[in-house]
N, C-alpha and C. Protein backbone atom coordinates (compact mmCIF):
# COMPACT_ATOMS: atom_id res chain seq x y z
N MET A 1 0.85 -1.26 -0.17
CA MET A 1 0.11 0.13 0.13
C MET A 1 0.88 1.27 0.08
N ALA A 2 0.77 1.94 -1.02
CA ALA A 2 1.41 3.29 -1.11
C ALA A 2 0.88 4.39 -0.15
N THR A 3 1.79 5.17 0.51
CA THR A 3 1.30 6.22 1.16
C THR A 3 1.40 7.42 0.56
N GLU A 4 0.40 8.12 0.75
CA GLU A 4 0.42 9.75 0.23
C GLU A 4 1.16 10.63 1.03
N SER A 5 2.03 11.28 0.45
CA SER A 5 2.69 12.42 1.21
C SER A 5 1.65 13.47 1.41
N LEU A 6 1.47 13.90 2.74
CA LEU A 6 0.83 15.17 2.95
C LEU A 6 1.64 16.53 2.88
N PRO A 7 0.87 17.47 2.61
CA PRO A 7 1.59 18.83 2.52
C PRO A 7 1.97 18.99 4.03
N PRO A 8 3.07 19.71 4.18
CA PRO A 8 3.46 20.37 5.50
C PRO A 8 2.29 20.93 6.10
N PRO A 9 2.34 20.76 7.54
CA PRO A 9 1.32 21.68 8.27
C PRO A 9 1.47 23.31 8.14
N ALA A 10 0.34 24.01 8.05
CA ALA A 10 0.46 25.12 8.10
C ALA A 10 1.31 25.80 9.27
N SER A 11 2.00 26.82 9.00
CA SER A 11 2.96 27.23 10.24
C SER A 11 1.98 27.89 11.21
N PRO A 12 2.22 27.33 12.45
CA PRO A 12 1.33 27.75 13.48
C PRO A 12 1.48 29.34 13.91
N ASN A 13 2.59 29.89 13.56
CA ASN A 13 2.97 31.19 13.85
C ASN A 13 2.44 32.02 12.49
N PRO A 14 1.31 32.98 12.96
CA PRO A 14 0.80 33.84 11.56
C PRO A 14 1.76 34.65 10.90
N LEU A 15 2.78 35.13 11.86
CA LEU A 15 3.65 36.22 11.26
C LEU A 15 4.56 35.47 10.41
N ASP A 16 4.75 34.20 10.19
CA ASP A 16 5.46 33.64 9.13
C ASP A 16 4.74 33.65 7.81
N GLN A 17 3.52 34.21 7.61
CA GLN A 17 2.68 34.24 6.34
C GLN A 17 3.33 35.37 5.75
N PRO A 18 3.57 35.20 4.15
CA PRO A 18 4.17 36.34 3.61
C PRO A 18 3.49 37.66 3.48
N HIS A 19 2.15 37.66 3.61
CA HIS A 19 1.41 38.80 3.50
C HIS A 19 1.40 39.74 4.94
N LEU A 20 2.07 38.89 5.92
CA LEU A 20 2.16 39.72 7.21
C LEU A 20 3.40 40.31 7.42
N LEU A 21 4.30 39.95 6.49
CA LEU A 21 5.83 40.51 6.91
C LEU A 21 5.89 41.63 7.03
N ARG A 22 5.18 42.86 6.44
CA ARG A 22 5.21 44.20 6.59
C ARG A 22 4.73 44.33 7.96
N PHE A 23 3.55 43.72 8.36
CA PHE A 23 2.95 44.03 9.74
C PHE A 23 3.98 43.62 10.90
N LYS A 24 4.62 42.41 10.51
CA LYS A 24 5.87 42.12 11.56
C LYS A 24 6.73 43.00 11.77
N ALA A 25 7.32 43.56 10.48
CA ALA A 25 8.41 44.74 10.50
C ALA A 25 7.81 45.85 11.32
N LEU A 26 6.51 46.41 11.19
CA LEU A 26 5.90 47.63 11.56
C LEU A 26 6.00 47.19 13.41
N LEU A 27 5.63 46.03 13.87
CA LEU A 27 5.58 45.58 15.16
C LEU A 27 6.99 45.94 15.85
N GLY A 28 8.09 45.56 15.01
CA GLY A 28 9.30 45.85 15.73
C GLY A 28 9.63 47.24 15.64
N GLU A 29 9.26 48.17 14.71
CA GLU A 29 9.50 49.59 14.60
C GLU A 29 8.86 50.09 15.67
N MET A 30 7.80 49.91 15.88
CA MET A 30 6.78 50.59 16.78
C MET A 30 7.22 50.37 18.29
N GLN A 31 7.92 49.23 18.48
CA GLN A 31 8.33 49.12 19.85
C GLN A 31 9.83 49.97 19.86
N ASN A 32 10.34 50.35 18.98
CA ASN A 32 11.59 51.31 19.07
C ASN A 32 11.58 52.74 18.80
N GLU A 33 10.07 53.06 18.81
CA GLU A 33 9.82 54.39 18.38
C GLU A 33 9.26 55.22 19.68
N SER A 34 9.45 56.41 19.45
CA SER A 34 8.89 57.36 20.53
C SER A 34 7.47 57.29 20.53
N PRO A 35 6.61 57.90 21.25
CA PRO A 35 5.24 57.74 21.35
C PRO A 35 4.69 58.54 20.00
N ARG A 36 5.45 59.59 19.71
CA ARG A 36 5.05 60.26 18.42
C ARG A 36 5.39 59.61 17.17
N GLY A 37 6.47 58.94 17.36
CA GLY A 37 6.78 57.72 16.04
C GLY A 37 5.58 56.74 15.88
N MET A 38 5.42 56.26 16.97
CA MET A 38 4.41 55.33 16.86
C MET A 38 3.21 55.51 16.44
N VAL A 39 2.39 56.74 16.95
CA VAL A 39 1.40 57.43 16.40
C VAL A 39 1.40 57.66 14.93
N LEU A 40 2.50 58.01 14.32
CA LEU A 40 2.69 58.58 13.12
C LEU A 40 2.76 57.33 12.27
N ILE A 41 3.60 56.45 12.38
CA ILE A 41 3.78 55.41 11.77
C ILE A 41 2.33 54.46 11.37
N SER A 42 1.97 54.16 12.85
CA SER A 42 0.73 53.45 12.68
C SER A 42 -0.34 53.91 11.89
N SER A 43 -0.50 55.30 12.11
CA SER A 43 -1.65 56.08 11.34
C SER A 43 -1.25 56.03 9.78
N ALA A 44 0.02 56.27 9.37
CA ALA A 44 0.59 56.26 7.93
C ALA A 44 0.14 54.66 7.34
N LEU A 45 0.26 53.48 8.00
CA LEU A 45 0.02 52.34 7.55
C LEU A 45 -1.43 52.22 7.32
N LEU A 46 -2.29 52.63 8.37
CA LEU A 46 -3.51 52.49 8.31
C LEU A 46 -4.08 53.45 7.08
N ASP A 47 -3.69 54.54 6.94
CA ASP A 47 -4.00 55.51 5.82
C ASP A 47 -3.81 54.61 4.44
N GLU A 48 -2.61 54.05 4.63
CA GLU A 48 -2.34 53.33 3.23
C GLU A 48 -3.18 52.09 2.88
N HIS A 49 -3.52 51.47 3.91
CA HIS A 49 -4.50 50.35 3.97
C HIS A 49 -5.95 50.73 3.41
N LEU A 50 -6.24 51.89 4.04
CA LEU A 50 -7.73 52.36 3.58
C LEU A 50 -7.55 52.47 1.91
N GLY A 51 -6.39 53.32 1.58
CA GLY A 51 -6.31 53.80 0.22
C GLY A 51 -6.43 52.42 -0.82
N GLU A 52 -5.67 51.42 -0.33
CA GLU A 52 -5.55 50.19 -1.21
C GLU A 52 -6.84 49.71 -0.99
N ALA A 53 -7.66 49.45 -0.04
CA ALA A 53 -9.06 48.93 0.05
C ALA A 53 -9.95 49.74 -0.73
N LEU A 54 -9.92 50.93 -0.91
CA LEU A 54 -10.82 51.71 -1.59
C LEU A 54 -10.63 51.60 -3.21
N LYS A 55 -9.37 51.49 -3.53
CA LYS A 55 -8.97 51.17 -4.92
C LYS A 55 -9.43 49.64 -5.22
N ALA A 56 -9.63 49.11 -4.19
CA ALA A 56 -10.01 47.53 -4.54
C ALA A 56 -11.39 47.38 -4.71
N ARG A 57 -12.38 48.54 -4.20
CA ARG A 57 -13.61 48.64 -4.27
C ARG A 57 -14.30 49.30 -5.51
N LEU A 58 -13.34 50.24 -6.03
CA LEU A 58 -13.91 50.99 -7.24
C LEU A 58 -13.59 50.35 -8.51
N VAL A 59 -14.51 50.79 -9.32
CA VAL A 59 -14.18 50.09 -10.76
C VAL A 59 -12.93 50.25 -11.32
N GLU A 60 -12.72 49.14 -12.26
CA GLU A 60 -11.11 49.29 -12.86
C GLU A 60 -11.22 50.09 -13.91
N HIS A 61 -10.41 51.07 -13.69
CA HIS A 61 -10.23 51.85 -14.98
C HIS A 61 -9.20 52.98 -14.59
N PRO A 62 -8.35 53.14 -15.42
CA PRO A 62 -6.93 54.00 -15.16
C PRO A 62 -7.11 55.19 -14.40
N ASP A 63 -8.30 55.93 -14.64
CA ASP A 63 -8.51 57.35 -14.28
C ASP A 63 -9.02 57.15 -12.69
N VAL A 64 -9.52 56.13 -12.11
CA VAL A 64 -10.00 55.86 -10.90
C VAL A 64 -8.99 56.12 -9.99
N ALA A 65 -7.77 56.04 -10.16
CA ALA A 65 -6.84 56.17 -9.46
C ALA A 65 -6.73 57.61 -8.92
N LYS A 66 -7.26 58.66 -9.92
CA LYS A 66 -7.12 59.97 -9.54
C LYS A 66 -8.13 60.21 -8.35
N LEU A 67 -8.67 59.37 -7.98
CA LEU A 67 -9.58 59.64 -6.67
C LEU A 67 -8.51 59.48 -5.42
N THR A 68 -7.65 58.36 -5.49
CA THR A 68 -6.96 58.23 -4.26
C THR A 68 -5.57 58.76 -4.27
N ASP A 69 -5.20 59.00 -5.31
CA ASP A 69 -3.70 59.54 -5.56
C ASP A 69 -3.47 60.96 -6.11
N GLY A 70 -2.45 61.18 -5.67
CA GLY A 70 -1.93 62.72 -6.16
C GLY A 70 -2.54 63.86 -5.44
N PHE A 71 -2.35 64.92 -6.08
CA PHE A 71 -2.66 66.47 -5.23
C PHE A 71 -4.12 66.61 -5.45
N ASN A 72 -4.93 66.74 -4.55
CA ASN A 72 -6.23 67.23 -4.27
C ASN A 72 -7.02 65.91 -5.07
N ALA A 73 -6.72 64.65 -4.37
CA ALA A 73 -7.44 63.65 -4.82
C ALA A 73 -8.69 63.70 -3.87
N PRO A 74 -9.85 63.13 -4.01
CA PRO A 74 -10.99 63.15 -3.46
C PRO A 74 -10.42 62.36 -2.20
N PHE A 75 -10.14 61.00 -2.39
CA PHE A 75 -9.80 60.27 -1.29
C PHE A 75 -8.31 60.32 -0.94
N GLY A 76 -7.57 61.42 -0.90
CA GLY A 76 -6.30 61.46 -0.82
C GLY A 76 -5.81 61.69 0.57
N THR A 77 -6.65 61.93 1.54
CA THR A 77 -6.39 61.95 2.99
C THR A 77 -6.92 60.91 3.97
N PHE A 78 -6.13 61.03 4.99
CA PHE A 78 -6.64 59.89 5.96
C PHE A 78 -8.07 60.07 6.26
N SER A 79 -8.73 61.24 6.41
CA SER A 79 -10.09 61.69 6.81
C SER A 79 -10.88 61.16 5.86
N SER A 80 -10.58 61.75 4.60
CA SER A 80 -11.56 61.45 3.45
C SER A 80 -11.75 59.72 3.06
N ARG A 81 -10.39 59.31 3.26
CA ARG A 81 -10.30 57.90 2.93
C ARG A 81 -11.22 57.11 4.02
N THR A 82 -11.21 57.61 5.36
CA THR A 82 -11.92 56.97 6.21
C THR A 82 -13.40 57.14 6.14
N VAL A 83 -13.98 57.94 5.66
CA VAL A 83 -15.39 58.60 5.49
C VAL A 83 -15.56 57.64 4.38
N GLY A 84 -14.91 57.56 2.99
CA GLY A 84 -15.11 56.90 2.09
C GLY A 84 -15.31 55.39 1.98
N ALA A 85 -14.28 55.04 2.68
CA ALA A 85 -14.32 53.75 3.02
C ALA A 85 -15.61 52.98 4.02
N LEU A 86 -15.99 53.89 4.92
CA LEU A 86 -17.42 53.59 5.43
C LEU A 86 -18.56 53.59 4.44
N ALA A 87 -18.54 54.71 3.51
CA ALA A 87 -19.51 55.13 2.72
C ALA A 87 -19.66 53.99 1.80
N LEU A 88 -18.43 53.29 1.28
CA LEU A 88 -18.65 52.27 0.35
C LEU A 88 -18.42 50.77 1.03
N GLY A 89 -18.85 50.85 2.17
CA GLY A 89 -18.79 49.48 2.99
C GLY A 89 -17.70 48.86 3.20
N VAL A 90 -16.61 49.45 3.00
CA VAL A 90 -15.12 48.67 3.14
C VAL A 90 -14.68 48.55 4.76
N ILE A 91 -15.17 49.30 5.48
CA ILE A 91 -15.05 49.30 6.97
C ILE A 91 -16.11 49.06 7.66
N THR A 92 -16.26 48.73 9.00
CA THR A 92 -17.19 48.59 9.81
C THR A 92 -17.51 49.88 10.48
N THR A 93 -18.52 50.22 11.32
CA THR A 93 -18.82 51.30 12.03
C THR A 93 -17.66 51.29 13.34
N ASP A 94 -17.49 50.04 13.82
CA ASP A 94 -16.46 50.23 14.79
C ASP A 94 -15.01 50.74 14.29
N GLU A 95 -14.78 49.95 13.39
CA GLU A 95 -13.49 50.36 12.43
C GLU A 95 -13.24 51.87 12.37
N TYR A 96 -14.50 52.54 11.79
CA TYR A 96 -14.73 53.64 11.39
C TYR A 96 -14.33 54.71 12.58
N HIS A 97 -15.18 54.53 13.78
CA HIS A 97 -14.90 55.05 15.11
C HIS A 97 -13.59 54.97 15.71
N ASP A 98 -12.78 53.97 15.70
CA ASP A 98 -11.65 53.82 15.89
C ASP A 98 -10.70 54.69 15.12
N LEU A 99 -10.79 54.57 13.72
CA LEU A 99 -10.13 55.26 13.12
C LEU A 99 -10.18 56.75 12.95
N GLU A 100 -11.25 57.29 13.27
CA GLU A 100 -11.57 58.76 13.48
C GLU A 100 -10.90 59.21 14.73
N ILE A 101 -10.89 58.30 15.75
CA ILE A 101 -9.98 58.82 17.09
C ILE A 101 -8.77 58.82 16.77
N ILE A 102 -8.28 57.73 16.14
CA ILE A 102 -6.76 57.69 15.75
C ILE A 102 -6.24 58.72 14.89
N ARG A 103 -6.95 58.99 13.88
CA ARG A 103 -6.58 60.21 13.05
C ARG A 103 -6.59 61.48 13.77
N ARG A 104 -7.49 61.55 14.66
CA ARG A 104 -7.63 62.91 15.59
C ARG A 104 -6.27 62.97 16.39
N ILE A 105 -5.98 61.88 17.05
CA ILE A 105 -4.85 61.77 18.01
C ILE A 105 -3.60 61.89 17.09
N ARG A 106 -3.48 61.37 15.85
CA ARG A 106 -2.50 61.72 14.90
C ARG A 106 -2.34 63.08 14.61
N ASN A 107 -3.16 63.78 14.32
CA ASN A 107 -3.10 65.28 14.04
C ASN A 107 -2.71 65.93 15.07
N ASP A 108 -3.08 65.64 16.35
CA ASP A 108 -2.53 66.19 17.38
C ASP A 108 -0.99 66.06 17.49
N PHE A 109 -0.44 64.65 17.35
CA PHE A 109 0.97 64.28 17.40
C PHE A 109 1.75 65.21 16.52
N ALA A 110 1.30 65.12 15.36
CA ALA A 110 1.84 65.77 14.03
C ALA A 110 2.03 67.13 13.95
N HIS A 111 1.12 68.02 14.84
CA HIS A 111 0.76 69.55 14.73
C HIS A 111 1.10 70.16 15.95
N ARG A 112 1.44 69.44 16.77
CA ARG A 112 1.84 69.89 18.43
C ARG A 112 3.07 69.53 19.07
N ILE A 113 3.91 70.29 19.20
CA ILE A 113 5.38 69.93 19.94
C ILE A 113 5.24 69.24 21.30
N GLU A 114 4.42 70.11 22.07
CA GLU A 114 4.17 69.55 23.55
C GLU A 114 2.97 68.67 23.35
N ILE A 115 3.06 67.46 23.40
CA ILE A 115 2.13 66.59 23.29
C ILE A 115 2.56 65.07 23.82
N GLY A 116 1.66 64.54 24.43
CA GLY A 116 2.24 63.08 25.02
C GLY A 116 0.55 62.35 25.39
N PHE A 117 0.79 61.10 25.58
CA PHE A 117 -0.25 60.18 26.11
C PHE A 117 -0.68 60.55 27.64
N ASN A 118 0.21 61.45 28.21
CA ASN A 118 -0.33 61.82 29.58
C ASN A 118 -1.28 63.01 29.65
N GLU A 119 -1.72 63.57 28.33
CA GLU A 119 -2.49 64.92 28.27
C GLU A 119 -3.70 64.40 28.29
N GLN A 120 -4.62 65.04 29.10
CA GLN A 120 -6.10 64.40 29.29
C GLN A 120 -6.77 64.27 28.11
N SER A 121 -6.62 65.42 27.12
CA SER A 121 -7.53 65.14 25.80
C SER A 121 -7.37 63.67 25.23
N ILE A 122 -6.08 63.47 25.03
CA ILE A 122 -5.57 62.31 24.51
C ILE A 122 -5.88 60.95 25.31
N LYS A 123 -5.74 61.19 26.80
CA LYS A 123 -6.46 59.87 27.30
C LYS A 123 -7.74 59.62 27.14
N ASP A 124 -8.48 60.70 27.26
CA ASP A 124 -9.89 60.44 26.97
C ASP A 124 -10.37 60.01 25.75
N ARG A 125 -9.53 60.37 24.84
CA ARG A 125 -9.76 59.78 23.15
C ARG A 125 -9.37 58.31 23.30
N CYS A 126 -8.18 57.92 23.88
CA CYS A 126 -7.72 56.44 23.80
C CYS A 126 -8.76 55.53 24.67
N ALA A 127 -9.26 56.34 25.69
CA ALA A 127 -10.15 55.38 26.63
C ALA A 127 -11.51 55.07 25.83
N ASN A 128 -11.75 55.65 24.70
CA ASN A 128 -12.98 55.66 24.09
C ASN A 128 -12.82 54.56 22.75
N LEU A 129 -11.65 54.32 22.49
CA LEU A 129 -11.24 53.20 21.38
C LEU A 129 -11.99 51.99 21.65
N ARG A 130 -12.67 51.49 20.96
CA ARG A 130 -13.26 50.15 20.81
C ARG A 130 -12.62 48.95 20.72
N LEU A 131 -11.54 48.88 20.13
CA LEU A 131 -10.77 47.68 19.78
C LEU A 131 -9.52 47.88 20.48
N ALA A 132 -9.47 48.71 21.35
CA ALA A 132 -8.22 48.55 22.63
C ALA A 132 -8.29 47.59 23.64
N ALA A 133 -7.13 47.39 24.05
CA ALA A 133 -7.33 46.61 25.25
C ALA A 133 -7.91 47.24 26.49
N LYS A 134 -8.48 46.27 27.28
CA LYS A 134 -9.03 47.07 28.41
C LYS A 134 -8.60 46.78 29.83
N ASP A 135 -8.81 47.41 30.80
CA ASP A 135 -8.29 47.25 32.00
C ASP A 135 -8.75 45.62 32.49
N TYR A 136 -7.94 45.15 33.04
CA TYR A 136 -8.27 43.52 33.40
C TYR A 136 -7.64 43.35 34.88
N GLY A 137 -8.45 42.89 35.81
CA GLY A 137 -8.21 42.62 37.13
C GLY A 137 -7.35 43.94 37.90
N GLN A 138 -6.14 43.78 38.35
CA GLN A 138 -5.36 44.81 38.83
C GLN A 138 -4.69 45.54 37.82
N VAL A 139 -4.76 45.04 36.54
CA VAL A 139 -3.94 45.75 35.63
C VAL A 139 -4.61 47.11 34.76
N VAL A 140 -3.94 48.08 34.86
CA VAL A 140 -4.56 49.13 34.33
C VAL A 140 -4.01 49.38 32.69
N VAL A 141 -4.54 49.39 31.90
CA VAL A 141 -4.08 49.47 30.61
C VAL A 141 -4.14 51.40 30.27
N GLY A 142 -2.84 51.72 29.96
CA GLY A 142 -2.53 53.17 30.04
C GLY A 142 -3.02 53.59 28.43
N ALA A 143 -3.19 54.88 28.42
CA ALA A 143 -3.46 55.48 27.29
C ALA A 143 -2.63 54.92 25.91
N ASP A 144 -1.34 54.99 25.84
CA ASP A 144 -0.36 54.53 25.14
C ASP A 144 -0.84 53.04 24.77
N ALA A 145 -0.79 52.23 25.70
CA ALA A 145 -1.10 50.77 25.42
C ALA A 145 -2.64 50.76 24.76
N GLN A 146 -3.58 51.53 25.01
CA GLN A 146 -4.82 51.72 24.56
C GLN A 146 -4.68 51.90 23.00
N PHE A 147 -4.06 53.07 22.63
CA PHE A 147 -3.67 53.65 21.40
C PHE A 147 -2.91 52.36 20.63
N SER A 148 -2.04 51.71 20.95
CA SER A 148 -1.11 51.13 20.22
C SER A 148 -1.87 49.54 20.13
N THR A 149 -2.63 49.03 21.16
CA THR A 149 -3.61 47.81 20.70
C THR A 149 -4.71 48.20 19.83
N ALA A 150 -5.20 49.39 19.68
CA ALA A 150 -6.36 49.55 18.86
C ALA A 150 -5.78 49.78 17.44
N ALA A 151 -4.57 50.31 17.38
CA ALA A 151 -4.01 50.50 15.90
C ALA A 151 -3.46 49.23 15.58
N VAL A 152 -2.84 48.64 16.18
CA VAL A 152 -2.56 47.08 16.03
C VAL A 152 -3.75 46.26 15.45
N ALA A 153 -4.71 46.34 16.11
CA ALA A 153 -6.00 45.50 15.94
C ALA A 153 -6.52 45.94 14.45
N LEU A 154 -6.51 47.28 14.20
CA LEU A 154 -6.90 47.92 12.90
C LEU A 154 -6.07 47.57 11.79
N ILE A 155 -4.70 47.46 12.06
CA ILE A 155 -3.80 47.37 10.87
C ILE A 155 -4.13 45.80 10.56
N MET A 156 -4.29 44.87 11.71
CA MET A 156 -4.30 43.48 11.47
C MET A 156 -5.95 43.08 10.62
N ARG A 157 -6.83 43.94 10.95
CA ARG A 157 -8.14 43.96 10.26
C ARG A 157 -7.95 44.09 8.79
N LEU A 158 -7.37 45.32 8.55
CA LEU A 158 -7.08 45.95 7.31
C LEU A 158 -6.05 45.59 6.43
N THR A 159 -5.08 44.67 6.99
CA THR A 159 -4.00 44.13 6.11
C THR A 159 -4.38 43.65 4.69
N ASN A 160 -5.19 42.55 5.13
CA ASN A 160 -5.71 41.92 3.85
C ASN A 160 -7.28 42.44 3.45
N ARG A 161 -7.76 43.57 3.77
CA ARG A 161 -8.93 43.99 3.50
C ARG A 161 -9.01 44.43 1.77
N ALA A 162 -8.02 44.73 1.29
CA ALA A 162 -8.31 45.03 -0.07
C ALA A 162 -8.53 43.76 -0.90
N ALA A 163 -7.65 42.73 -0.35
CA ALA A 163 -8.04 41.36 -1.15
C ALA A 163 -9.68 40.85 -0.98
N TYR A 164 -9.92 41.21 0.07
CA TYR A 164 -11.53 40.76 0.40
C TYR A 164 -12.36 41.68 -0.41
N VAL A 165 -12.22 42.85 -0.27
CA VAL A 165 -12.98 43.93 -0.82
C VAL A 165 -12.89 43.67 -2.38
N GLU A 166 -11.75 43.47 -2.92
CA GLU A 166 -11.60 43.27 -4.45
C GLU A 166 -12.83 42.12 -4.99
N ARG A 167 -13.10 41.37 -4.13
CA ARG A 167 -14.12 40.39 -4.48
C ARG A 167 -15.53 40.66 -4.85
N GLN A 168 -15.41 42.11 -4.46
CA GLN A 168 -16.96 42.44 -4.50
C GLN A 168 -16.77 43.99 -4.94
N ARG A 169 -15.75 44.08 -6.12
CA ARG A 169 -15.58 45.36 -6.57
C ARG A 169 -16.78 45.78 -7.51
N LEU A 170 -16.82 47.19 -7.42
CA LEU A 170 -17.89 47.67 -8.15
C LEU A 170 -17.61 47.58 -9.84
N VAL A 171 -18.61 47.53 -10.56
CA VAL A 171 -18.48 47.49 -11.89
C VAL A 171 -19.25 48.52 -12.68
N VAL A 172 -19.02 48.93 -13.80
CA VAL A 172 -19.54 49.93 -14.46
C VAL A 172 -20.75 49.03 -15.09
N GLY A 173 -22.13 49.72 -14.92
CA GLY A 173 -23.36 49.10 -15.36
C GLY A 173 -23.92 49.80 -16.51
N ASP A 174 -24.88 49.34 -17.30
CA ASP A 174 -25.76 50.17 -18.28
C ASP A 174 -27.01 50.57 -17.59
N TRP A 175 -27.06 51.68 -17.57
CA TRP A 175 -28.32 52.43 -16.98
C TRP A 175 -29.37 53.03 -17.78
N PRO A 176 -30.68 52.75 -17.39
CA PRO A 176 -31.74 53.20 -18.36
C PRO A 176 -31.73 54.80 -18.39
């Protein structure tokens, strides 16, 4: 009786998956960054993921890229990409909620010199992140950890979103 050779089992470590290599690099980078760097890097990656997901949703046509890329593109900012992704069904309402908070925090870190996670307005925003780690037992999760866990959760959710969204890409229709 001949035995069939089975394929090797899938790697138990999801970070060994090629599509997650960029995410793995980001985690290492975020650990070595200042709070400002962590906020700006994670926000930039979320912004990119939103742009990719929007492109995957819109009809295939060379001119459609004008909506997401270049000067004055309607979906060229983190803000417009977030609202556009919600409007086109690319993200959930919880993802939208947290992306909006993260965007506002990013703006504060990008435009203010004296800013940190110890500032009350930042603490309040981080406490409202739905995807953030929560206090448990005697462990109190600080604003910086709330921000980073919500950002990482969103990055994980959006890493392959464009591939899933593309399966339901909009198409040009004939209209009466």
